[in-house]
Amino acid sequence: MAKDSTDFSTVDFIPAVLHVTRGQVLMDRQRHIAIVAKKSKTSAHLVHVRSGMLKMTRHTAGEIVEEWSEADYPFDRAVAKLLELGKQHGITDAARDALEELVRAGREPKQQELFG
């Protein structure tokens, strides 16, 4: 569970560790889905709806731990849903390219626990 954003009495001394894989499906508190398009040691790029359009955005490990959780949502279904949302609401070139690359990879990624 993520730290309560209204709790100012505790301090996190242990930095968040990024335990996601490329192609992993995540969900936020409003039940919006996202797919991890790229991953580095300290950040990940997610494809999700933001400001009414499908975009690819960069998030730090801390942001992902606080805002996102693992989704029990099939990879193929998530990609299809995001592509459909992109057709309805618009999609950036970066988001389209990332989703097309995930589709070309042709296999569901190995899921890992977000809080390992």
Protein backbone atom coordinates (compact mmCIF):
# COMPACT_ATOMS: atom_id res chain seq x y z
CA MET A 1 0.00 0.00 0.00
CA ALA A 2 1.29 3.45 -0.85
CA LYS A 3 2.09 6.02 1.79
CA ASP A 4 -0.83 8.24 2.77
CA SER A 5 -0.24 11.56 0.96
CA THR A 6 -1.69 13.47 3.94
CA ASP A 7 0.72 11.88 6.44
CA PHE A 8 3.43 14.45 7.12
CA SER A 9 4.58 12.85 10.41
CA THR A 10 6.65 10.07 8.84
CA VAL A 11 9.68 10.21 6.62
CA ASP A 12 10.63 7.58 4.08
CA PHE A 13 14.35 6.84 4.33
CA ILE A 14 14.38 3.84 2.04
CA PRO A 15 14.15 4.87 -1.61
CA ALA A 16 11.49 3.19 -3.71
CA VAL A 17 12.78 0.39 -5.93
CA LEU A 18 11.35 -0.07 -9.39
CA HIS A 19 9.99 -3.62 -9.71
CA VAL A 20 8.20 -3.46 -13.05
CA THR A 21 8.94 -5.01 -16.42
CA ARG A 22 8.46 -3.74 -19.94
CA GLY A 23 4.92 -4.61 -21.05
CA GLN A 24 3.55 -4.94 -17.52
CA VAL A 25 -0.03 -3.75 -17.01
CA LEU A 26 -0.61 -1.33 -14.11
CA MET A 27 -3.72 0.31 -12.67
CA ASP A 28 -4.17 3.55 -10.70
CA ARG A 29 -6.69 4.28 -7.93
CA GLN A 30 -9.30 5.39 -10.45
CA ARG A 31 -8.91 2.01 -12.19
CA HIS A 32 -7.25 3.48 -15.28
CA ILE A 33 -4.83 1.09 -16.93
CA ALA A 34 -1.31 1.76 -18.16
CA ILE A 35 1.39 -0.33 -19.79
CA VAL A 36 5.10 -0.04 -19.04
CA ALA A 37 6.66 0.90 -22.39
CA LYS A 38 10.27 1.47 -21.29
CA LYS A 39 12.17 0.91 -18.08
CA SER A 40 15.47 2.06 -16.62
CA LYS A 41 16.92 1.56 -13.14
CA THR A 42 15.27 4.70 -11.74
CA SER A 43 12.25 5.38 -13.93
CA ALA A 44 9.71 3.93 -16.33
CA HIS A 45 7.71 5.30 -19.23
CA LEU A 46 4.01 4.44 -19.08
CA VAL A 47 1.45 4.59 -21.88
CA HIS A 48 -1.88 5.75 -20.44
CA VAL A 49 -4.65 8.31 -20.87
CA ARG A 50 -3.58 11.69 -19.56
CA SER A 51 -5.43 14.97 -20.11
CA GLY A 52 -7.94 13.18 -22.35
CA MET A 53 -5.34 11.76 -24.74
CA LEU A 54 -3.23 8.60 -24.85
CA LYS A 55 0.34 9.62 -24.01
CA MET A 56 3.65 8.16 -22.90
CA THR A 57 4.90 9.75 -19.68
CA ARG A 58 8.00 9.24 -17.53
CA HIS A 59 7.60 8.30 -13.85
CA THR A 60 10.15 7.79 -11.09
CA ALA A 61 10.14 4.64 -8.97
CA GLY A 62 8.57 6.59 -6.10
CA GLU A 63 5.76 7.91 -8.29
CA ILE A 64 4.97 4.44 -9.59
CA VAL A 65 4.93 2.92 -6.10
CA GLU A 66 2.67 5.73 -4.82
CA GLU A 67 0.27 6.01 -7.75
CA TRP A 68 0.15 2.62 -9.50
CA SER A 69 -0.35 -1.02 -8.59
CA GLU A 70 -0.19 -4.31 -10.45
CA ALA A 71 -3.28 -4.99 -12.50
CA ASP A 72 -4.86 -8.38 -12.89
CA TYR A 73 -5.60 -7.49 -16.50
CA PRO A 74 -4.50 -9.51 -19.54
CA PHE A 75 -1.72 -7.92 -21.59
CA ASP A 76 -3.42 -8.41 -24.98
CA ARG A 77 -6.69 -6.96 -23.70
CA ALA A 78 -4.89 -3.95 -22.18
CA VAL A 79 -3.06 -3.17 -25.44
CA ALA A 80 -6.29 -3.47 -27.43
CA LYS A 81 -8.16 -1.22 -24.96
CA LEU A 82 -5.43 1.44 -25.02
CA LEU A 83 -5.31 1.42 -28.83
CA GLU A 84 -9.10 1.80 -28.93
CA LEU A 85 -8.92 4.72 -26.47
CA GLY A 86 -6.25 6.26 -28.71
CA LYS A 87 -8.57 6.04 -31.71
CA GLN A 88 -11.42 7.65 -29.76
CA HIS A 89 -9.53 10.41 -27.94
CA GLY A 90 -6.26 10.85 -29.81
CA ILE A 91 -2.81 9.41 -29.33
CA THR A 92 0.69 10.88 -29.41
CA ASP A 93 3.25 9.46 -31.85
CA ALA A 94 5.42 8.25 -28.96
CA ALA A 95 2.53 6.35 -27.37
CA ARG A 96 1.51 4.80 -30.71
CA ASP A 97 5.08 3.73 -31.47
CA ALA A 98 5.49 2.22 -27.98
CA LEU A 99 2.26 0.21 -28.23
CA GLU A 100 3.09 -0.98 -31.74
CA GLU A 101 6.53 -2.11 -30.53
CA LEU A 102 4.91 -4.05 -27.66
CA VAL A 103 2.51 -5.70 -30.14
CA ARG A 104 5.44 -6.57 -32.46
CA ALA A 105 7.22 -8.22 -29.54
CA GLY A 106 4.33 -10.69 -29.78
CA ARG A 107 4.40 -12.13 -26.31
CA GLU A 108 3.09 -11.31 -22.89
CA PRO A 109 5.85 -10.15 -20.53
CA LYS A 110 6.70 -11.95 -17.33
CA GLN A 111 4.89 -10.15 -14.54
CA GLN A 112 6.83 -9.20 -11.42
CA GLU A 113 5.59 -8.05 -8.05
CA LEU A 114 5.51 -4.27 -7.86
CA PHE A 115 6.64 -4.21 -4.24
CA GLY A 116 9.03 -7.22 -4.53
